[in-house]
Amino acid sequence: MTQDERVEDQAIDEMPWAEVTPDAARRLLVAAVEAFAERGYHATTTRDIASRAGMSPAALYIHYKTKEELLLRISRIGHEKALAILRRAADGEGSAADRLAEAVRSFVRWHAGHHTTARVVQYELDSLGEEHRPAIVELRRRSDNAVREIINDGVKAGEFDVPDVPGTTVAVLSLCIDVARWFNTEGRRTPDEVGALYADLVLRMVGARSQK
């Protein structure tokens, strides 16, 4: 990752949900993330969300027609960020091992650093109705393809020893995503440290010929 990309990532981290405007809509979305992560989508009411945002229930409907629309917005933004992280690594320079390590490092760092959001993004997919779920499933498919592409490149170049590329891709993504479930900001490892650890584990998983 270049210095410019690191600065860009830091700016994004310092301005969570900056793409959501106006401010009232962003406050409601942040409140929804917290409520969904704490209580689950189905147990959360629109009144819960509005109360957390310091607004009336009626104010919520000015910006979001339904609770599901809020979840869809959260899911779409989160999955687009995840896809951008993986796609940038897949399209980057260096060996397949370099790119896979960067993909895992960045993906894990995001899931640890934004673990509350990531829990909602990754584990509430089934709460979306049939009308909205396919769009998010497609974003997941593209993320899967980015990682599969790197692993395939490594196999073709003789860098990786992977008999089952699709299965290994699922294992890698599952390992990374699960960080959002257990990561604790008061734990002994930072998001960067967990990212580095998982990058090393994944390189071992694929039998990388040259590990860093």
C-alpha atoms as a PDB file:
ATOM      1  CA  MET A   1       0.000   0.000   0.000  1.00  0.00           C
ATOM      2  CA  THR A   2       1.353   3.451  -0.905  1.00  0.00           C
ATOM      3  CA  GLN A   3       1.616   6.362   1.522  1.00  0.00           C
ATOM      4  CA  ASP A   4      -1.236   8.146  -0.296  1.00  0.00           C
ATOM      5  CA  GLU A   5      -3.469   5.098   0.136  1.00  0.00           C
ATOM      6  CA  ARG A   6      -2.640   4.914   3.851  1.00  0.00           C
ATOM      7  CA  VAL A   7      -3.567   8.595   4.231  1.00  0.00           C
ATOM      8  CA  GLU A   8      -6.805   7.969   2.345  1.00  0.00           C
ATOM      9  CA  ASP A   9      -7.675   5.030   4.609  1.00  0.00           C
ATOM     10  CA  GLN A  10      -6.928   7.094   7.707  1.00  0.00           C
ATOM     11  CA  ALA A  11      -9.175   9.890   6.452  1.00  0.00           C
ATOM     12  CA  ILE A  12     -12.006   7.447   5.879  1.00  0.00           C
ATOM     13  CA  ASP A  13     -11.565   6.030   9.386  1.00  0.00           C
ATOM     14  CA  GLU A  14     -11.697   9.512  10.896  1.00  0.00           C
ATOM     15  CA  MET A  15     -14.929  10.372   9.052  1.00  0.00           C
ATOM     16  CA  PRO A  16     -17.177   7.318   9.415  1.00  0.00           C
ATOM     17  CA  TRP A  17     -20.287   7.424   7.222  1.00  0.00           C
ATOM     18  CA  ALA A  18     -19.165  10.766   5.755  1.00  0.00           C
ATOM     19  CA  GLU A  19     -20.926   9.777   2.517  1.00  0.00           C
ATOM     20  CA  VAL A  20     -24.306   9.867   4.295  1.00  0.00           C
ATOM     21  CA  THR A  21     -25.955  13.286   4.208  1.00  0.00           C
ATOM     22  CA  PRO A  22     -27.567  15.344   5.632  1.00  0.00           C
ATOM     23  CA  ASP A  23     -26.304  15.182   9.202  1.00  0.00           C
ATOM     24  CA  ALA A  24     -29.659  13.951  10.554  1.00  0.00           C
ATOM     25  CA  ALA A  25     -29.615  10.990   8.152  1.00  0.00           C
ATOM     26  CA  ARG A  26     -26.066  10.146   9.228  1.00  0.00           C
ATOM     27  CA  ARG A  27     -26.978  10.329  12.930  1.00  0.00           C
ATOM     28  CA  LEU A  28     -29.885   7.969  12.366  1.00  0.00           C
ATOM     29  CA  LEU A  29     -27.693   5.548  10.452  1.00  0.00           C
ATOM     30  CA  VAL A  30     -25.028   5.544  13.192  1.00  0.00           C
ATOM     31  CA  ALA A  31     -27.749   4.960  15.789  1.00  0.00           C
ATOM     32  CA  ALA A  32     -29.132   2.078  13.714  1.00  0.00           C
ATOM     33  CA  VAL A  33     -25.688   0.439  13.481  1.00  0.00           C
ATOM     34  CA  GLU A  34     -25.309   0.593  17.253  1.00  0.00           C
ATOM     35  CA  ALA A  35     -28.820  -0.723  17.895  1.00  0.00           C
ATOM     36  CA  PHE A  36     -28.608  -3.547  15.328  1.00  0.00           C
ATOM     37  CA  ALA A  37     -25.206  -4.633  16.682  1.00  0.00           C
ATOM     38  CA  GLU A  38     -26.417  -4.597  20.274  1.00  0.00           C
ATOM     39  CA  ARG A  39     -29.945  -6.000  19.949  1.00  0.00           C
ATOM     40  CA  GLY A  40     -30.139  -7.511  16.474  1.00  0.00           C
ATOM     41  CA  TYR A  41     -32.172  -6.197  13.561  1.00  0.00           C
ATOM     42  CA  HIS A  42     -35.473  -7.847  14.405  1.00  0.00           C
ATOM     43  CA  ALA A  43     -35.417  -6.838  18.081  1.00  0.00           C
ATOM     44  CA  THR A  44     -34.714  -3.184  17.235  1.00  0.00           C
ATOM     45  CA  THR A  45     -37.584  -0.770  16.647  1.00  0.00           C
ATOM     46  CA  THR A  46     -37.585   2.508  14.755  1.00  0.00           C
ATOM     47  CA  ARG A  47     -38.329   4.167  18.103  1.00  0.00           C
ATOM     48  CA  ASP A  48     -35.108   2.655  19.519  1.00  0.00           C
ATOM     49  CA  ILE A  49     -33.119   4.076  16.612  1.00  0.00           C
ATOM     50  CA  ALA A  50     -34.683   7.541  16.795  1.00  0.00           C
ATOM     51  CA  SER A  51     -34.149   7.692  20.546  1.00  0.00           C
ATOM     52  CA  ARG A  52     -30.446   6.841  20.203  1.00  0.00           C
ATOM     53  CA  ALA A  53     -30.114   9.597  17.617  1.00  0.00           C
ATOM     54  CA  GLY A  54     -31.871  12.101  19.902  1.00  0.00           C
ATOM     55  CA  MET A  55     -34.728  12.478  17.442  1.00  0.00           C
ATOM     56  CA  SER A  56     -38.429  11.714  17.272  1.00  0.00           C
ATOM     57  CA  PRO A  57     -39.715   8.563  15.505  1.00  0.00           C
ATOM     58  CA  ALA A  58     -41.452  10.809  12.998  1.00  0.00           C
ATOM     59  CA  ALA A  59     -38.124  12.423  12.075  1.00  0.00           C
ATOM     60  CA  LEU A  60     -36.717   9.036  11.067  1.00  0.00           C
ATOM     61  CA  TYR A  61     -39.284   8.608   8.307  1.00  0.00           C
ATOM     62  CA  ILE A  62     -38.206  11.879   6.705  1.00  0.00           C
ATOM     63  CA  HIS A  63     -34.916  10.210   5.780  1.00  0.00           C
ATOM     64  CA  TYR A  64     -35.702   6.478   5.686  1.00  0.00           C
ATOM     65  CA  LYS A  65     -39.037   4.983   4.658  1.00  0.00           C
ATOM     66  CA  THR A  66     -38.511   1.779   6.642  1.00  0.00           C
ATOM     67  CA  LYS A  67     -36.151   0.117   9.093  1.00  0.00           C
ATOM     68  CA  GLU A  68     -35.085  -2.197   6.277  1.00  0.00           C
ATOM     69  CA  GLU A  69     -34.050   0.785   4.169  1.00  0.00           C
ATOM     70  CA  LEU A  70     -31.641   1.719   6.942  1.00  0.00           C
ATOM     71  CA  LEU A  71     -30.202  -1.791   7.017  1.00  0.00           C
ATOM     72  CA  LEU A  72     -29.863  -1.793   3.243  1.00  0.00           C
ATOM     73  CA  ARG A  73     -27.947   1.501   3.300  1.00  0.00           C
ATOM     74  CA  ILE A  74     -25.625   0.208   6.023  1.00  0.00           C
ATOM     75  CA  SER A  75     -25.099  -3.078   4.192  1.00  0.00           C
ATOM     76  CA  ARG A  76     -24.455  -1.486   0.820  1.00  0.00           C
ATOM     77  CA  ILE A  77     -21.912   1.030   2.122  1.00  0.00           C
ATOM     78  CA  GLY A  78     -20.146  -1.590   4.235  1.00  0.00           C
ATOM     79  CA  HIS A  79     -19.941  -4.147   1.436  1.00  0.00           C
ATOM     80  CA  GLU A  80     -18.756  -1.525  -1.046  1.00  0.00           C
ATOM     81  CA  LYS A  81     -15.940  -0.556   1.348  1.00  0.00           C
ATOM     82  CA  ALA A  82     -14.996  -4.214   1.829  1.00  0.00           C
ATOM     83  CA  LEU A  83     -14.991  -4.805  -1.927  1.00  0.00           C
ATOM     84  CA  ALA A  84     -12.837  -1.715  -2.524  1.00  0.00           C
ATOM     85  CA  ILE A  85     -10.272  -3.000  -0.006  1.00  0.00           C
ATOM     86  CA  LEU A  86     -10.043  -6.420  -1.651  1.00  0.00           C
ATOM     87  CA  ARG A  87     -10.158  -5.129  -5.203  1.00  0.00           C
ATOM     88  CA  ARG A  88      -7.341  -2.679  -4.567  1.00  0.00           C
ATOM     89  CA  ALA A  89      -5.167  -5.488  -3.233  1.00  0.00           C
ATOM     90  CA  ALA A  90      -6.050  -7.793  -6.143  1.00  0.00           C
ATOM     91  CA  ASP A  91      -5.173  -5.079  -8.663  1.00  0.00           C
ATOM     92  CA  GLY A  92      -2.002  -4.037  -6.871  1.00  0.00           C
ATOM     93  CA  GLU A  93       1.596  -4.734  -7.781  1.00  0.00           C
ATOM     94  CA  GLY A  94       3.795  -7.505  -6.476  1.00  0.00           C
ATOM     95  CA  SER A  95       3.596 -11.249  -6.266  1.00  0.00           C
ATOM     96  CA  ALA A  96       0.421 -13.150  -5.487  1.00  0.00           C
ATOM     97  CA  ALA A  97       1.731 -13.636  -1.941  1.00  0.00           C
ATOM     98  CA  ASP A  98       2.266  -9.881  -1.577  1.00  0.00           C
ATOM     99  CA  ARG A  99      -1.232  -9.142  -2.828  1.00  0.00           C
ATOM    100  CA  LEU A 100      -2.906 -11.826  -0.726  1.00  0.00           C
ATOM    101  CA  ALA A 101      -1.109 -10.613   2.396  1.00  0.00           C
ATOM    102  CA  GLU A 102      -2.201  -7.042   1.668  1.00  0.00           C
ATOM    103  CA  ALA A 103      -5.790  -8.134   1.022  1.00  0.00           C
ATOM    104  CA  VAL A 104      -5.985 -10.018   4.315  1.00  0.00           C
ATOM    105  CA  ARG A 105      -4.150  -7.346   6.306  1.00  0.00           C
ATOM    106  CA  SER A 106      -6.431  -4.569   5.075  1.00  0.00           C
ATOM    107  CA  PHE A 107      -9.636  -6.614   5.234  1.00  0.00           C
ATOM    108  CA  VAL A 108      -8.952  -7.762   8.799  1.00  0.00           C
ATOM    109  CA  ARG A 109      -7.869  -4.287   9.876  1.00  0.00           C
ATOM    110  CA  TRP A 110     -11.189  -2.897   8.643  1.00  0.00           C
ATOM    111  CA  HIS A 111     -13.243  -5.603  10.369  1.00  0.00           C
ATOM    112  CA  ALA A 112     -11.369  -5.059  13.640  1.00  0.00           C
ATOM    113  CA  GLY A 113     -11.310  -1.274  13.500  1.00  0.00           C
ATOM    114  CA  HIS A 114     -15.015  -1.126  12.573  1.00  0.00           C
ATOM    115  CA  HIS A 115     -16.147  -4.263  14.372  1.00  0.00           C
ATOM    116  CA  THR A 116     -19.540  -2.875  15.411  1.00  0.00           C
ATOM    117  CA  THR A 117     -20.413  -1.858  11.852  1.00  0.00           C
ATOM    118  CA  ALA A 118     -18.894  -5.025  10.414  1.00  0.00           C
ATOM    119  CA  ARG A 119     -21.037  -7.251  12.644  1.00  0.00           C
ATOM    120  CA  VAL A 120     -24.157  -5.656  11.184  1.00  0.00           C
ATOM    121  CA  VAL A 121     -22.836  -5.640   7.625  1.00  0.00           C
ATOM    122  CA  GLN A 122     -21.697  -9.253   7.656  1.00  0.00           C
ATOM    123  CA  TYR A 123     -24.234 -10.981   9.890  1.00  0.00           C
ATOM    124  CA  GLU A 124     -27.588  -9.320   9.142  1.00  0.00           C
ATOM    125  CA  LEU A 125     -27.810 -10.218   5.442  1.00  0.00           C
ATOM    126  CA  ASP A 126     -30.717 -12.607   6.023  1.00  0.00           C
ATOM    127  CA  SER A 127     -32.725  -9.777   7.568  1.00  0.00           C
ATOM    128  CA  LEU A 128     -32.983  -8.109   4.161  1.00  0.00           C
ATOM    129  CA  GLY A 129     -36.025  -8.994   2.097  1.00  0.00           C
ATOM    130  CA  GLU A 130     -35.937 -10.678  -1.303  1.00  0.00           C
ATOM    131  CA  GLU A 131     -36.153  -7.308  -3.038  1.00  0.00           C
ATOM    132  CA  HIS A 132     -32.921  -6.007  -1.534  1.00  0.00           C
ATOM    133  CA  ARG A 133     -30.814  -9.059  -0.736  1.00  0.00           C
ATOM    134  CA  PRO A 134     -29.616  -9.822  -4.316  1.00  0.00           C
ATOM    135  CA  ALA A 135     -27.745  -6.519  -4.615  1.00  0.00           C
ATOM    136  CA  ILE A 136     -25.753  -7.267  -1.464  1.00  0.00           C
ATOM    137  CA  VAL A 137     -25.176 -10.883  -2.483  1.00  0.00           C
ATOM    138  CA  GLU A 138     -23.688  -9.587  -5.735  1.00  0.00           C
ATOM    139  CA  LEU A 139     -21.252  -7.366  -3.816  1.00  0.00           C
ATOM    140  CA  ARG A 140     -20.239 -10.400  -1.757  1.00  0.00           C
ATOM    141  CA  ARG A 141     -19.723 -12.407  -4.931  1.00  0.00           C
ATOM    142  CA  ARG A 142     -17.396  -9.727  -6.291  1.00  0.00           C
ATOM    143  CA  SER A 143     -15.411  -9.724  -3.042  1.00  0.00           C
ATOM    144  CA  ASP A 144     -15.118 -13.509  -3.283  1.00  0.00           C
ATOM    145  CA  ASN A 145     -13.896 -13.146  -6.868  1.00  0.00           C
ATOM    146  CA  ALA A 146     -11.177 -10.671  -5.859  1.00  0.00           C
ATOM    147  CA  VAL A 147      -9.671 -13.094  -3.346  1.00  0.00           C
ATOM    148  CA  ARG A 148     -10.144 -16.088  -5.635  1.00  0.00           C
ATOM    149  CA  GLU A 149      -8.331 -14.202  -8.399  1.00  0.00           C
ATOM    150  CA  ILE A 150      -5.273 -13.651  -6.196  1.00  0.00           C
ATOM    151  CA  ILE A 151      -5.189 -17.283  -5.084  1.00  0.00           C
ATOM    152  CA  ASN A 152      -5.574 -18.507  -8.665  1.00  0.00           C
ATOM    153  CA  ASP A 153      -2.688 -16.266  -9.721  1.00  0.00           C
ATOM    154  CA  GLY A 154      -0.553 -17.748  -6.968  1.00  0.00           C
ATOM    155  CA  VAL A 155      -1.383 -21.306  -8.002  1.00  0.00           C
ATOM    156  CA  LYS A 156      -0.614 -20.595 -11.665  1.00  0.00           C
ATOM    157  CA  ALA A 157       2.683 -18.941 -10.747  1.00  0.00           C
ATOM    158  CA  GLY A 158       3.666 -21.866  -8.540  1.00  0.00           C
ATOM    159  CA  GLU A 159       3.626 -19.671  -5.427  1.00  0.00           C
ATOM    160  CA  PHE A 160       0.720 -21.427  -3.705  1.00  0.00           C
ATOM    161  CA  ASP A 161      -0.169 -25.057  -3.125  1.00  0.00           C
ATOM    162  CA  VAL A 162      -3.990 -24.983  -3.108  1.00  0.00           C
ATOM    163  CA  PRO A 163      -5.904 -28.053  -4.371  1.00  0.00           C
ATOM    164  CA  ASP A 164      -9.325 -26.398  -3.820  1.00  0.00           C
ATOM    165  CA  VAL A 165      -9.282 -22.704  -4.725  1.00  0.00           C
ATOM    166  CA  PRO A 166     -13.025 -22.006  -4.204  1.00  0.00           C
ATOM    167  CA  GLY A 167     -13.044 -23.724  -0.822  1.00  0.00           C
ATOM    168  CA  THR A 168      -9.868 -21.972   0.279  1.00  0.00           C
ATOM    169  CA  THR A 169     -11.307 -18.629  -0.799  1.00  0.00           C
ATOM    170  CA  VAL A 170     -14.343 -19.177   1.418  1.00  0.00           C
ATOM    171  CA  ALA A 171     -12.067 -20.191   4.308  1.00  0.00           C
ATOM    172  CA  VAL A 172      -9.910 -17.068   3.940  1.00  0.00           C
ATOM    173  CA  LEU A 173     -12.882 -14.713   3.824  1.00  0.00           C
ATOM    174  CA  SER A 174     -14.616 -16.463   6.720  1.00  0.00           C
ATOM    175  CA  LEU A 175     -11.475 -16.214   8.835  1.00  0.00           C
ATOM    176  CA  CYS A 176     -11.201 -12.480   8.165  1.00  0.00           C
ATOM    177  CA  ILE A 177     -14.890 -11.680   8.647  1.00  0.00           C
ATOM    178  CA  ASP A 178     -15.093 -13.520  11.966  1.00  0.00           C
ATOM    179  CA  VAL A 179     -12.737 -10.930  13.467  1.00  0.00           C
ATOM    180  CA  ALA A 180     -15.725  -8.577  13.719  1.00  0.00           C
ATOM    181  CA  ARG A 181     -17.472 -11.053  16.012  1.00  0.00           C
ATOM    182  CA  TRP A 182     -14.744 -11.317  18.661  1.00  0.00           C
ATOM    183  CA  PHE A 183     -12.514  -8.250  18.369  1.00  0.00           C
ATOM    184  CA  ASN A 184     -12.337  -6.183  21.546  1.00  0.00           C
ATOM    185  CA  THR A 185     -10.821  -2.709  21.574  1.00  0.00           C
ATOM    186  CA  GLU A 186      -9.597  -3.393  25.111  1.00  0.00           C
ATOM    187  CA  GLY A 187      -7.792  -6.552  24.018  1.00  0.00           C
ATOM    188  CA  ARG A 188      -4.035  -6.896  23.790  1.00  0.00           C
ATOM    189  CA  ARG A 189      -3.814  -6.628  19.991  1.00  0.00           C
ATOM    190  CA  THR A 190      -4.522  -3.618  17.785  1.00  0.00           C
ATOM    191  CA  PRO A 191      -6.331  -3.915  14.431  1.00  0.00           C
ATOM    192  CA  ASP A 192      -2.954  -3.575  12.683  1.00  0.00           C
ATOM    193  CA  GLU A 193      -1.473  -6.383  14.756  1.00  0.00           C
ATOM    194  CA  VAL A 194      -4.409  -8.696  14.115  1.00  0.00           C
ATOM    195  CA  GLY A 195      -4.174  -7.892  10.404  1.00  0.00           C
ATOM    196  CA  ALA A 196      -0.484  -8.800  10.323  1.00  0.00           C
ATOM    197  CA  LEU A 197      -1.108 -12.023  12.255  1.00  0.00           C
ATOM    198  CA  TYR A 198      -3.905 -13.127   9.927  1.00  0.00           C
ATOM    199  CA  ALA A 199      -1.902 -12.273   6.810  1.00  0.00           C
ATOM    200  CA  ASP A 200       0.831 -14.618   8.018  1.00  0.00           C
ATOM    201  CA  LEU A 201      -1.699 -17.345   8.880  1.00  0.00           C
ATOM    202  CA  VAL A 202      -3.327 -17.140   5.452  1.00  0.00           C
ATOM    203  CA  LEU A 203       0.010 -17.321   3.637  1.00  0.00           C
ATOM    204  CA  ARG A 204       0.723 -20.491   5.584  1.00  0.00           C
ATOM    205  CA  MET A 205      -2.739 -21.790   4.730  1.00  0.00           C
ATOM    206  CA  VAL A 206      -2.088 -21.490   0.990  1.00  0.00           C
ATOM    207  CA  GLY A 207       1.412 -22.937   1.287  1.00  0.00           C
ATOM    208  CA  ALA A 208       3.109 -19.763   0.093  1.00  0.00           C
ATOM    209  CA  ARG A 209       6.600 -20.567  -1.136  1.00  0.00           C
ATOM    210  CA  SER A 210       8.096 -17.355   0.170  1.00  0.00           C
ATOM    211  CA  GLN A 211       6.621 -15.841   3.319  1.00  0.00           C
ATOM    212  CA  LYS A 212       7.468 -12.497   4.820  1.00  0.00           C
END
